[in-house]
Amino acid sequence: MSDDQYHGVLGHSGGLSGQATGGRKLSPRSVRKAYVILSQVLGHAVKSRRLGANPAVGVPLPKAVPTDHVYLDDMEVEALANAAGVYRVFILLLAYTGLRWDEASA
């Protein structure tokens, strides 16, 4: 792999963490997701012998920033459920059982 290939991928991932469409910065998590997709595409190109090596291997990525979880108290859950109208019971099910959306809607 040439230095140009490596620096091209590095520049691409660095560009993602810089400016996104609309002038907003992408979060480190979004940059990492985009990198995974790019790396998989390039990996497939290596397997199909269109590239000799995956230039995305070893590219430094921004550190993921841990976020604080926000939990609703009982009064907030009740207010949300009441505001949900016909979905009141569904909101209460999600809030008090810990089911995820796909589990509860299945």
PDB file of N, CA and C in Angstrom:
ATOM      1  N   MET A   1       0.857  -1.173   0.000  1.00  0.00           N
ATOM      2  CA  MET A   1       0.000   0.000   0.000  1.00  0.00           C
ATOM      3  C   MET A   1       0.902   1.234   0.000  1.00  0.00           C
ATOM      4  N   SER A   2       0.551   2.157  -0.844  1.00  0.00           N
ATOM      5  CA  SER A   2       1.364   3.366  -0.928  1.00  0.00           C
ATOM      6  C   SER A   2       0.969   4.360   0.152  1.00  0.00           C
ATOM      7  N   ASP A   3       1.874   5.285   0.421  1.00  0.00           N
ATOM      8  CA  ASP A   3       1.581   6.335   1.399  1.00  0.00           C
ATOM      9  C   ASP A   3       0.403   7.198   0.949  1.00  0.00           C
ATOM     10  N   ASP A   4       0.267   7.363  -0.380  1.00  0.00           N
ATOM     11  CA  ASP A   4      -0.844   8.164  -0.889  1.00  0.00           C
ATOM     12  C   ASP A   4      -2.189   7.548  -0.534  1.00  0.00           C
ATOM     13  N   GLN A   5      -2.273   6.209  -0.640  1.00  0.00           N
ATOM     14  CA  GLN A   5      -3.531   5.542  -0.292  1.00  0.00           C
ATOM     15  C   GLN A   5      -3.843   5.738   1.190  1.00  0.00           C
ATOM     16  N   TYR A   6      -2.843   5.508   2.040  1.00  0.00           N
ATOM     17  CA  TYR A   6      -3.048   5.632   3.485  1.00  0.00           C
ATOM     18  C   TYR A   6      -3.454   7.053   3.847  1.00  0.00           C
ATOM     19  N   HIS A   7      -2.745   8.030   3.311  1.00  0.00           N
ATOM     20  CA  HIS A   7      -3.054   9.421   3.642  1.00  0.00           C
ATOM     21  C   HIS A   7      -4.391   9.858   3.046  1.00  0.00           C
ATOM     22  N   GLY A   8      -4.791   9.219   1.937  1.00  0.00           N
ATOM     23  CA  GLY A   8      -6.110   9.514   1.371  1.00  0.00           C
ATOM     24  C   GLY A   8      -7.218   9.088   2.310  1.00  0.00           C
ATOM     25  N   VAL A   9      -7.097   7.900   2.879  1.00  0.00           N
ATOM     26  CA  VAL A   9      -8.103   7.425   3.835  1.00  0.00           C
ATOM     27  C   VAL A   9      -8.028   8.250   5.102  1.00  0.00           C
ATOM     28  N   LEU A  10      -6.814   8.542   5.541  1.00  0.00           N
ATOM     29  CA  LEU A  10      -6.639   9.352   6.744  1.00  0.00           C
ATOM     30  C   LEU A  10      -7.272  10.722   6.535  1.00  0.00           C
ATOM     31  N   GLY A  11      -7.067  11.291   5.371  1.00  0.00           N
ATOM     32  CA  GLY A  11      -7.666  12.589   5.062  1.00  0.00           C
ATOM     33  C   GLY A  11      -9.176  12.513   5.012  1.00  0.00           C
ATOM     34  N   HIS A  12      -9.697  11.399   4.496  1.00  0.00           N
ATOM     35  CA  HIS A  12     -11.145  11.230   4.424  1.00  0.00           C
ATOM     36  C   HIS A  12     -11.736  11.142   5.825  1.00  0.00           C
ATOM     37  N   SER A  13     -11.156  10.324   6.690  1.00  0.00           N
ATOM     38  CA  SER A  13     -11.705  10.197   8.041  1.00  0.00           C
ATOM     39  C   SER A  13     -11.501  11.485   8.829  1.00  0.00           C
ATOM     40  N   GLY A  14     -10.392  12.167   8.595  1.00  0.00           N
ATOM     41  CA  GLY A  14     -10.174  13.450   9.250  1.00  0.00           C
ATOM     42  C   GLY A  14     -11.154  14.497   8.765  1.00  0.00           C
ATOM     43  N   GLY A  15     -11.506  14.418   7.474  1.00  0.00           N
ATOM     44  CA  GLY A  15     -12.493  15.330   6.921  1.00  0.00           C
ATOM     45  C   GLY A  15     -13.869  15.093   7.508  1.00  0.00           C
ATOM     46  N   LEU A  16     -14.169  13.846   7.809  1.00  0.00           N
ATOM     47  CA  LEU A  16     -15.456  13.540   8.426  1.00  0.00           C
ATOM     48  C   LEU A  16     -15.571  14.173   9.796  1.00  0.00           C
ATOM     49  N   SER A  17     -14.467  14.159  10.546  1.00  0.00           N
ATOM     50  CA  SER A  17     -14.533  14.735  11.886  1.00  0.00           C
ATOM     51  C   SER A  17     -14.473  16.254  11.837  1.00  0.00           C
ATOM     52  N   GLY A  18     -14.112  16.789  10.673  1.00  0.00           N
ATOM     53  CA  GLY A  18     -14.074  18.234  10.520  1.00  0.00           C
ATOM     54  C   GLY A  18     -15.436  18.790  10.190  1.00  0.00           C
ATOM     55  N   GLN A  19     -15.750  18.878   8.923  1.00  0.00           N
ATOM     56  CA  GLN A  19     -17.012  19.480   8.511  1.00  0.00           C
ATOM     57  C   GLN A  19     -17.859  18.471   7.751  1.00  0.00           C
ATOM     58  N   ALA A  20     -19.132  18.412   8.067  1.00  0.00           N
ATOM     59  CA  ALA A  20     -20.087  17.579   7.349  1.00  0.00           C
ATOM     60  C   ALA A  20     -20.944  18.478   6.472  1.00  0.00           C
ATOM     61  N   THR A  21     -21.807  17.892   5.731  1.00  0.00           N
ATOM     62  CA  THR A  21     -22.717  18.667   4.900  1.00  0.00           C
ATOM     63  C   THR A  21     -23.511  19.621   5.778  1.00  0.00           C
ATOM     64  N   GLY A  22     -23.599  20.845   5.358  1.00  0.00           N
ATOM     65  CA  GLY A  22     -24.345  21.833   6.129  1.00  0.00           C
ATOM     66  C   GLY A  22     -23.487  22.563   7.147  1.00  0.00           C
ATOM     67  N   GLY A  23     -22.193  22.291   7.181  1.00  0.00           N
ATOM     68  CA  GLY A  23     -21.302  22.997   8.085  1.00  0.00           C
ATOM     69  C   GLY A  23     -21.275  22.483   9.507  1.00  0.00           C
ATOM     70  N   ARG A  24     -21.967  21.368   9.793  1.00  0.00           N
ATOM     71  CA  ARG A  24     -21.955  20.807  11.142  1.00  0.00           C
ATOM     72  C   ARG A  24     -20.841  19.780  11.267  1.00  0.00           C
ATOM     73  N   LYS A  25     -20.255  19.697  12.438  1.00  0.00           N
ATOM     74  CA  LYS A  25     -19.256  18.665  12.692  1.00  0.00           C
ATOM     75  C   LYS A  25     -19.956  17.345  12.994  1.00  0.00           C
ATOM     76  N   LEU A  26     -19.358  16.260  12.507  1.00  0.00           N
ATOM     77  CA  LEU A  26     -19.883  14.944  12.842  1.00  0.00           C
ATOM     78  C   LEU A  26     -19.305  14.512  14.183  1.00  0.00           C
ATOM     79  N   SER A  27     -20.092  13.779  14.919  1.00  0.00           N
ATOM     80  CA  SER A  27     -19.627  13.266  16.200  1.00  0.00           C
ATOM     81  C   SER A  27     -18.602  12.163  15.957  1.00  0.00           C
ATOM     82  N   PRO A  28     -17.741  11.902  16.941  1.00  0.00           N
ATOM     83  CA  PRO A  28     -16.789  10.799  16.793  1.00  0.00           C
ATOM     84  C   PRO A  28     -17.489   9.474  16.490  1.00  0.00           C
ATOM     85  N   ARG A  29     -18.650   9.265  17.052  1.00  0.00           N
ATOM     86  CA  ARG A  29     -19.391   8.023  16.798  1.00  0.00           C
ATOM     87  C   ARG A  29     -19.804   7.925  15.328  1.00  0.00           C
ATOM     88  N   SER A  30     -20.269   9.030  14.747  1.00  0.00           N
ATOM     89  CA  SER A  30     -20.659   9.039  13.338  1.00  0.00           C
ATOM     90  C   SER A  30     -19.452   8.814  12.436  1.00  0.00           C
ATOM     91  N   VAL A  31     -18.322   9.403  12.800  1.00  0.00           N
ATOM     92  CA  VAL A  31     -17.096   9.205  12.032  1.00  0.00           C
ATOM     93  C   VAL A  31     -16.698   7.736  12.074  1.00  0.00           C
ATOM     94  N   ARG A  32     -16.789   7.125  13.233  1.00  0.00           N
ATOM     95  CA  ARG A  32     -16.425   5.710  13.380  1.00  0.00           C
ATOM     96  C   ARG A  32     -17.355   4.817  12.559  1.00  0.00           C
ATOM     97  N   LYS A  33     -18.649   5.134  12.544  1.00  0.00           N
ATOM     98  CA  LYS A  33     -19.599   4.354  11.751  1.00  0.00           C
ATOM     99  C   LYS A  33     -19.264   4.451  10.258  1.00  0.00           C
ATOM    100  N   ALA A  34     -18.984   5.665   9.793  1.00  0.00           N
ATOM    101  CA  ALA A  34     -18.635   5.858   8.382  1.00  0.00           C
ATOM    102  C   ALA A  34     -17.331   5.119   8.049  1.00  0.00           C
ATOM    103  N   TYR A  35     -16.382   5.148   8.977  1.00  0.00           N
ATOM    104  CA  TYR A  35     -15.111   4.456   8.772  1.00  0.00           C
ATOM    105  C   TYR A  35     -15.326   2.943   8.652  1.00  0.00           C
ATOM    106  N   VAL A  36     -16.193   2.390   9.485  1.00  0.00           N
ATOM    107  CA  VAL A  36     -16.458   0.945   9.438  1.00  0.00           C
ATOM    108  C   VAL A  36     -16.994   0.561   8.063  1.00  0.00           C
ATOM    109  N   ILE A  37     -17.915   1.343   7.542  1.00  0.00           N
ATOM    110  CA  ILE A  37     -18.489   1.054   6.226  1.00  0.00           C
ATOM    111  C   ILE A  37     -17.413   1.160   5.152  1.00  0.00           C
ATOM    112  N   LEU A  38     -16.634   2.233   5.180  1.00  0.00           N
ATOM    113  CA  LEU A  38     -15.555   2.407   4.211  1.00  0.00           C
ATOM    114  C   LEU A  38     -14.562   1.257   4.296  1.00  0.00           C
ATOM    115  N   SER A  39     -14.191   0.878   5.491  1.00  0.00           N
ATOM    116  CA  SER A  39     -13.240  -0.207   5.679  1.00  0.00           C
ATOM    117  C   SER A  39     -13.790  -1.532   5.152  1.00  0.00           C
ATOM    118  N   GLN A  40     -15.078  -1.770   5.359  1.00  0.00           N
ATOM    119  CA  GLN A  40     -15.686  -2.999   4.850  1.00  0.00           C
ATOM    120  C   GLN A  40     -15.717  -3.023   3.328  1.00  0.00           C
ATOM    121  N   VAL A  41     -16.030  -1.895   2.717  1.00  0.00           N
ATOM    122  CA  VAL A  41     -16.044  -1.810   1.258  1.00  0.00           C
ATOM    123  C   VAL A  41     -14.642  -2.063   0.708  1.00  0.00           C
ATOM    124  N   LEU A  42     -13.642  -1.420   1.312  1.00  0.00           N
ATOM    125  CA  LEU A  42     -12.268  -1.622   0.865  1.00  0.00           C
ATOM    126  C   LEU A  42     -11.805  -3.053   1.131  1.00  0.00           C
ATOM    127  N   GLY A  43     -12.256  -3.638   2.243  1.00  0.00           N
ATOM    128  CA  GLY A  43     -11.936  -5.028   2.537  1.00  0.00           C
ATOM    129  C   GLY A  43     -12.502  -5.964   1.487  1.00  0.00           C
ATOM    130  N   HIS A  44     -13.711  -5.671   1.028  1.00  0.00           N
ATOM    131  CA  HIS A  44     -14.307  -6.481  -0.042  1.00  0.00           C
ATOM    132  C   HIS A  44     -13.500  -6.334  -1.331  1.00  0.00           C
ATOM    133  N   ALA A  45     -13.025  -5.123  -1.597  1.00  0.00           N
ATOM    134  CA  ALA A  45     -12.198  -4.905  -2.790  1.00  0.00           C
ATOM    135  C   ALA A  45     -10.902  -5.712  -2.707  1.00  0.00           C
ATOM    136  N   VAL A  46     -10.351  -5.857  -1.522  1.00  0.00           N
ATOM    137  CA  VAL A  46      -9.140  -6.671  -1.338  1.00  0.00           C
ATOM    138  C   VAL A  46      -9.466  -8.136  -1.604  1.00  0.00           C
ATOM    139  N   LYS A  47     -10.580  -8.624  -1.037  1.00  0.00           N
ATOM    140  CA  LYS A  47     -10.971 -10.022  -1.228  1.00  0.00           C
ATOM    141  C   LYS A  47     -11.228 -10.342  -2.701  1.00  0.00           C
ATOM    142  N   SER A  48     -11.783  -9.369  -3.427  1.00  0.00           N
ATOM    143  CA  SER A  48     -12.064  -9.586  -4.848  1.00  0.00           C
ATOM    144  C   SER A  48     -10.864  -9.223  -5.725  1.00  0.00           C
ATOM    145  N   ARG A  49      -9.747  -8.968  -5.082  1.00  0.00           N
ATOM    146  CA  ARG A  49      -8.464  -8.704  -5.748  1.00  0.00           C
ATOM    147  C   ARG A  49      -8.468  -7.461  -6.640  1.00  0.00           C
ATOM    148  N   ARG A  50      -9.261  -6.490  -6.251  1.00  0.00           N
ATOM    149  CA  ARG A  50      -9.233  -5.197  -6.945  1.00  0.00           C
ATOM    150  C   ARG A  50      -8.233  -4.250  -6.279  1.00  0.00           C
ATOM    151  N   LEU A  51      -7.948  -4.521  -5.002  1.00  0.00           N
ATOM    152  CA  LEU A  51      -6.921  -3.790  -4.257  1.00  0.00           C
ATOM    153  C   LEU A  51      -5.972  -4.801  -3.638  1.00  0.00           C
ATOM    154  N   GLY A  52      -4.708  -4.406  -3.522  1.00  0.00           N
ATOM    155  CA  GLY A  52      -3.724  -5.291  -2.911  1.00  0.00           C
ATOM    156  C   GLY A  52      -3.812  -5.304  -1.394  1.00  0.00           C
ATOM    157  N   ALA A  53      -4.218  -4.198  -0.813  1.00  0.00           N
ATOM    158  CA  ALA A  53      -4.325  -4.081   0.643  1.00  0.00           C
ATOM    159  C   ALA A  53      -5.409  -3.072   0.970  1.00  0.00           C
ATOM    160  N   ASN A  54      -5.936  -3.178   2.177  1.00  0.00           N
ATOM    161  CA  ASN A  54      -6.977  -2.263   2.625  1.00  0.00           C
ATOM    162  C   ASN A  54      -6.308  -1.004   3.188  1.00  0.00           C
ATOM    163  N   PRO A  55      -6.419   0.119   2.485  1.00  0.00           N
ATOM    164  CA  PRO A  55      -5.762   1.342   2.965  1.00  0.00           C
ATOM    165  C   PRO A  55      -6.402   1.924   4.228  1.00  0.00           C
ATOM    166  N   ALA A  56      -7.540   1.394   4.636  1.00  0.00           N
ATOM    167  CA  ALA A  56      -8.196   1.910   5.842  1.00  0.00           C
ATOM    168  C   ALA A  56      -7.655   1.271   7.117  1.00  0.00           C
ATOM    169  N   VAL A  57      -6.879   0.218   6.986  1.00  0.00           N
ATOM    170  CA  VAL A  57      -6.334  -0.466   8.161  1.00  0.00           C
ATOM    171  C   VAL A  57      -5.327   0.443   8.855  1.00  0.00           C
ATOM    172  N   GLY A  58      -5.493   0.617  10.151  1.00  0.00           N
ATOM    173  CA  GLY A  58      -4.539   1.391  10.941  1.00  0.00           C
ATOM    174  C   GLY A  58      -4.784   2.883  10.971  1.00  0.00           C
ATOM    175  N   VAL A  59      -5.876   3.342  10.388  1.00  0.00           N
ATOM    176  CA  VAL A  59      -6.176   4.778  10.399  1.00  0.00           C
ATOM    177  C   VAL A  59      -6.640   5.154  11.806  1.00  0.00           C
ATOM    178  N   PRO A  60      -6.033   6.167  12.421  1.00  0.00           N
ATOM    179  CA  PRO A  60      -6.476   6.574  13.764  1.00  0.00           C
ATOM    180  C   PRO A  60      -7.854   7.222  13.703  1.00  0.00           C
ATOM    181  N   LEU A  61      -8.691   6.841  14.630  1.00  0.00           N
ATOM    182  CA  LEU A  61     -10.056   7.359  14.680  1.00  0.00           C
ATOM    183  C   LEU A  61     -10.247   8.213  15.923  1.00  0.00           C
ATOM    184  N   PRO A  62     -11.194   9.141  15.859  1.00  0.00           N
ATOM    185  CA  PRO A  62     -11.457   9.959  17.048  1.00  0.00           C
ATOM    186  C   PRO A  62     -12.006   9.102  18.176  1.00  0.00           C
ATOM    187  N   LYS A  63     -11.683   9.468  19.377  1.00  0.00           N
ATOM    188  CA  LYS A  63     -12.162   8.742  20.554  1.00  0.00           C
ATOM    189  C   LYS A  63     -13.659   8.981  20.728  1.00  0.00           C
ATOM    190  N   ALA A  64     -14.360   7.915  21.045  1.00  0.00           N
ATOM    191  CA  ALA A  64     -15.788   8.042  21.325  1.00  0.00           C
ATOM    192  C   ALA A  64     -15.962   8.723  22.680  1.00  0.00           C
ATOM    193  N   VAL A  65     -16.855   9.680  22.704  1.00  0.00           N
ATOM    194  CA  VAL A  65     -17.110  10.426  23.927  1.00  0.00           C
ATOM    195  C   VAL A  65     -18.289   9.782  24.656  1.00  0.00           C
ATOM    196  N   PRO A  66     -18.081   9.319  25.878  1.00  0.00           N
ATOM    197  CA  PRO A  66     -19.205   8.719  26.599  1.00  0.00           C
ATOM    198  C   PRO A  66     -20.272   9.773  26.907  1.00  0.00           C
ATOM    199  N   THR A  67     -21.513   9.369  26.767  1.00  0.00           N
ATOM    200  CA  THR A  67     -22.602  10.305  27.045  1.00  0.00           C
ATOM    201  C   THR A  67     -23.343   9.871  28.312  1.00  0.00           C
ATOM    202  N   ASP A  68     -23.912  10.831  28.975  1.00  0.00           N
ATOM    203  CA  ASP A  68     -24.696  10.544  30.163  1.00  0.00           C
ATOM    204  C   ASP A  68     -26.072  10.028  29.749  1.00  0.00           C
ATOM    205  N   HIS A  69     -26.541   9.021  30.438  1.00  0.00           N
ATOM    206  CA  HIS A  69     -27.879   8.501  30.189  1.00  0.00           C
ATOM    207  C   HIS A  69     -28.883   9.355  30.947  1.00  0.00           C
ATOM    208  N   VAL A  70     -30.004   9.578  30.311  1.00  0.00           N
ATOM    209  CA  VAL A  70     -31.069  10.366  30.928  1.00  0.00           C
ATOM    210  C   VAL A  70     -32.215   9.415  31.256  1.00  0.00           C
ATOM    211  N   TYR A  71     -32.636   9.407  32.490  1.00  0.00           N
ATOM    212  CA  TYR A  71     -33.726   8.543  32.935  1.00  0.00           C
ATOM    213  C   TYR A  71     -34.876   9.402  33.420  1.00  0.00           C
ATOM    214  N   LEU A  72     -36.073   8.980  33.094  1.00  0.00           N
ATOM    215  CA  LEU A  72     -37.263   9.693  33.551  1.00  0.00           C
ATOM    216  C   LEU A  72     -37.684   9.164  34.921  1.00  0.00           C
ATOM    217  N   ASP A  73     -38.141  10.071  35.769  1.00  0.00           N
ATOM    218  CA  ASP A  73     -38.701   9.603  37.048  1.00  0.00           C
ATOM    219  C   ASP A  73     -40.165   9.224  36.819  1.00  0.00           C
ATOM    220  N   ASP A  74     -40.827   8.714  37.855  1.00  0.00           N
ATOM    221  CA  ASP A  74     -42.200   8.221  37.712  1.00  0.00           C
ATOM    222  C   ASP A  74     -43.161   9.299  37.212  1.00  0.00           C
ATOM    223  N   MET A  75     -42.998  10.506  37.709  1.00  0.00           N
ATOM    224  CA  MET A  75     -43.901  11.592  37.300  1.00  0.00           C
ATOM    225  C   MET A  75     -43.698  11.945  35.833  1.00  0.00           C
ATOM    226  N   GLU A  76     -42.457  11.948  35.389  1.00  0.00           N
ATOM    227  CA  GLU A  76     -42.169  12.263  33.985  1.00  0.00           C
ATOM    228  C   GLU A  76     -42.703  11.160  33.065  1.00  0.00           C
ATOM    229  N   VAL A  77     -42.577   9.905  33.488  1.00  0.00           N
ATOM    230  CA  VAL A  77     -43.112   8.790  32.697  1.00  0.00           C
ATOM    231  C   VAL A  77     -44.622   8.920  32.574  1.00  0.00           C
ATOM    232  N   GLU A  78     -45.283   9.228  33.675  1.00  0.00           N
ATOM    233  CA  GLU A  78     -46.735   9.396  33.646  1.00  0.00           C
ATOM    234  C   GLU A  78     -47.144  10.542  32.722  1.00  0.00           C
ATOM    235  N   ALA A  79     -46.433  11.655  32.786  1.00  0.00           N
ATOM    236  CA  ALA A  79     -46.740  12.802  31.925  1.00  0.00           C
ATOM    237  C   ALA A  79     -46.541  12.438  30.457  1.00  0.00           C
ATOM    238  N   LEU A  80     -45.469  11.726  30.157  1.00  0.00           N
ATOM    239  CA  LEU A  80     -45.210  11.302  28.782  1.00  0.00           C
ATOM    240  C   LEU A  80     -46.287  10.340  28.307  1.00  0.00           C
ATOM    241  N   ALA A  81     -46.634   9.374  29.135  1.00  0.00           N
ATOM    242  CA  ALA A  81     -47.659   8.396  28.768  1.00  0.00           C
ATOM    243  C   ALA A  81     -49.006   9.069  28.543  1.00  0.00           C
ATOM    244  N   ASN A  82     -49.362  10.005  29.395  1.00  0.00           N
ATOM    245  CA  ASN A  82     -50.632  10.719  29.235  1.00  0.00           C
ATOM    246  C   ASN A  82     -50.638  11.551  27.958  1.00  0.00           C
ATOM    247  N   ALA A  83     -49.499  12.129  27.606  1.00  0.00           N
ATOM    248  CA  ALA A  83     -49.403  12.937  26.390  1.00  0.00           C
ATOM    249  C   ALA A  83     -49.424  12.065  25.131  1.00  0.00           C
ATOM    250  N   ALA A  84     -49.129  10.778  25.277  1.00  0.00           N
ATOM    251  CA  ALA A  84     -49.071   9.874  24.126  1.00  0.00           C
ATOM    252  C   ALA A  84     -50.448   9.414  23.664  1.00  0.00           C
ATOM    253  N   GLY A  85     -51.476   9.750  24.407  1.00  0.00           N
ATOM    254  CA  GLY A  85     -52.842   9.407  23.998  1.00  0.00           C
ATOM    255  C   GLY A  85     -53.072   7.911  23.925  1.00  0.00           C
ATOM    256  N   VAL A  86     -53.427   7.415  22.731  1.00  0.00           N
ATOM    257  CA  VAL A  86     -53.763   5.999  22.580  1.00  0.00           C
ATOM    258  C   VAL A  86     -52.555   5.083  22.796  1.00  0.00           C
ATOM    259  N   TYR A  87     -51.358   5.627  22.793  1.00  0.00           N
ATOM    260  CA  TYR A  87     -50.145   4.833  23.008  1.00  0.00           C
ATOM    261  C   TYR A  87     -49.691   4.824  24.473  1.00  0.00           C
ATOM    262  N   ARG A  88     -50.552   5.284  25.361  1.00  0.00           N
ATOM    263  CA  ARG A  88     -50.221   5.390  26.782  1.00  0.00           C
ATOM    264  C   ARG A  88     -49.706   4.072  27.354  1.00  0.00           C
ATOM    265  N   VAL A  89     -50.437   3.010  27.105  1.00  0.00           N
ATOM    266  CA  VAL A  89     -50.060   1.702  27.662  1.00  0.00           C
ATOM    267  C   VAL A  89     -48.720   1.246  27.083  1.00  0.00           C
ATOM    268  N   PHE A  90     -48.511   1.517  25.807  1.00  0.00           N
ATOM    269  CA  PHE A  90     -47.247   1.132  25.167  1.00  0.00           C
ATOM    270  C   PHE A  90     -46.070   1.864  25.808  1.00  0.00           C
ATOM    271  N   ILE A  91     -46.234   3.159  26.064  1.00  0.00           N
ATOM    272  CA  ILE A  91     -45.184   3.943  26.719  1.00  0.00           C
ATOM    273  C   ILE A  91     -44.898   3.399  28.107  1.00  0.00           C
ATOM    274  N   LEU A  92     -45.943   3.070  28.848  1.00  0.00           N
ATOM    275  CA  LEU A  92     -45.759   2.508  30.191  1.00  0.00           C
ATOM    276  C   LEU A  92     -45.045   1.153  30.119  1.00  0.00           C
ATOM    277  N   LEU A  93     -45.393   0.341  29.136  1.00  0.00           N
ATOM    278  CA  LEU A  93     -44.729  -0.945  28.949  1.00  0.00           C
ATOM    279  C   LEU A  93     -43.231  -0.747  28.711  1.00  0.00           C
ATOM    280  N   LEU A  94     -42.891   0.160  27.829  1.00  0.00           N
ATOM    281  CA  LEU A  94     -41.483   0.428  27.535  1.00  0.00           C
ATOM    282  C   LEU A  94     -40.745   0.969  28.758  1.00  0.00           C
ATOM    283  N   ALA A  95     -41.373   1.885  29.454  1.00  0.00           N
ATOM    284  CA  ALA A  95     -40.704   2.545  30.581  1.00  0.00           C
ATOM    285  C   ALA A  95     -40.460   1.621  31.756  1.00  0.00           C
ATOM    286  N   TYR A  96     -41.413   0.777  32.057  1.00  0.00           N
ATOM    287  CA  TYR A  96     -41.314   0.000  33.293  1.00  0.00           C
ATOM    288  C   TYR A  96     -40.805  -1.430  33.119  1.00  0.00           C
ATOM    289  N   THR A  97     -40.706  -1.894  31.874  1.00  0.00           N
ATOM    290  CA  THR A  97     -40.184  -3.249  31.670  1.00  0.00           C
ATOM    291  C   THR A  97     -38.758  -3.258  31.143  1.00  0.00           C
ATOM    292  N   GLY A  98     -38.320  -2.140  30.546  1.00  0.00           N
ATOM    293  CA  GLY A  98     -36.978  -2.092  29.983  1.00  0.00           C
ATOM    294  C   GLY A  98     -36.888  -2.713  28.600  1.00  0.00           C
ATOM    295  N   LEU A  99     -38.048  -3.066  28.030  1.00  0.00           N
ATOM    296  CA  LEU A  99     -38.034  -3.604  26.678  1.00  0.00           C
ATOM    297  C   LEU A  99     -37.568  -2.547  25.692  1.00  0.00           C
ATOM    298  N   ARG A 100     -36.878  -2.984  24.676  1.00  0.00           N
ATOM    299  CA  ARG A 100     -36.503  -2.079  23.589  1.00  0.00           C
ATOM    300  C   ARG A 100     -37.656  -2.009  22.598  1.00  0.00           C
ATOM    301  N   TRP A 101     -37.605  -0.996  21.741  1.00  0.00           N
ATOM    302  CA  TRP A 101     -38.687  -0.749  20.801  1.00  0.00           C
ATOM    303  C   TRP A 101     -38.997  -1.983  19.959  1.00  0.00           C
ATOM    304  N   ASP A 102     -37.974  -2.615  19.385  1.00  0.00           N
ATOM    305  CA  ASP A 102     -38.228  -3.756  18.511  1.00  0.00           C
ATOM    306  C   ASP A 102     -38.785  -4.951  19.273  1.00  0.00           C
ATOM    307  N   GLU A 103     -38.388  -5.119  20.516  1.00  0.00           N
ATOM    308  CA  GLU A 103     -38.908  -6.216  21.337  1.00  0.00           C
ATOM    309  C   GLU A 103     -40.382  -5.997  21.661  1.00  0.00           C
ATOM    310  N   ALA A 104     -40.734  -4.775  22.010  1.00  0.00           N
ATOM    311  CA  ALA A 104     -42.093  -4.470  22.428  1.00  0.00           C
ATOM    312  C   ALA A 104     -43.048  -4.441  21.237  1.00  0.00           C
ATOM    313  N   SER A 105     -42.575  -4.059  20.079  1.00  0.00           N
ATOM    314  CA  SER A 105     -43.461  -3.949  18.920  1.00  0.00           C
ATOM    315  C   SER A 105     -43.576  -5.240  18.135  1.00  0.00           C
ATOM    316  N   ALA A 106     -42.829  -6.257  18.507  1.00  0.00           N
ATOM    317  CA  ALA A 106     -42.867  -7.528  17.757  1.00  0.00           C
ATOM    318  C   ALA A 106     -44.140  -8.294  18.009  1.00  0.00           C
TER     319      ALA A 106
END
